[in-house]
Amino acid sequence: MAEIISLSKARKKKKRQDKDKKATENRVKFGQRKADKKLEDARKDRRNKDLDDHKIDD
């Protein structure tokens, strides 16, 4: 015989699991330290400057 479950509790449990999964993904995506962000911005600016320096002006 099948186990009896409450659909409202099952939906709430599923919603909590989805919310936790999304929170984990966001921590990975946006969880950089300020120093890391600053370093990455500096590297990106340096790459852009190097590219701009190598452009040939007409």
Foldseek 3Di string as FASTA:
>chain_A
DDDDDDPVVVVVVVVVVVVVVVVVVCCVVVVDDPVVVVVVVVVVVVVVVVVVVPDDDD
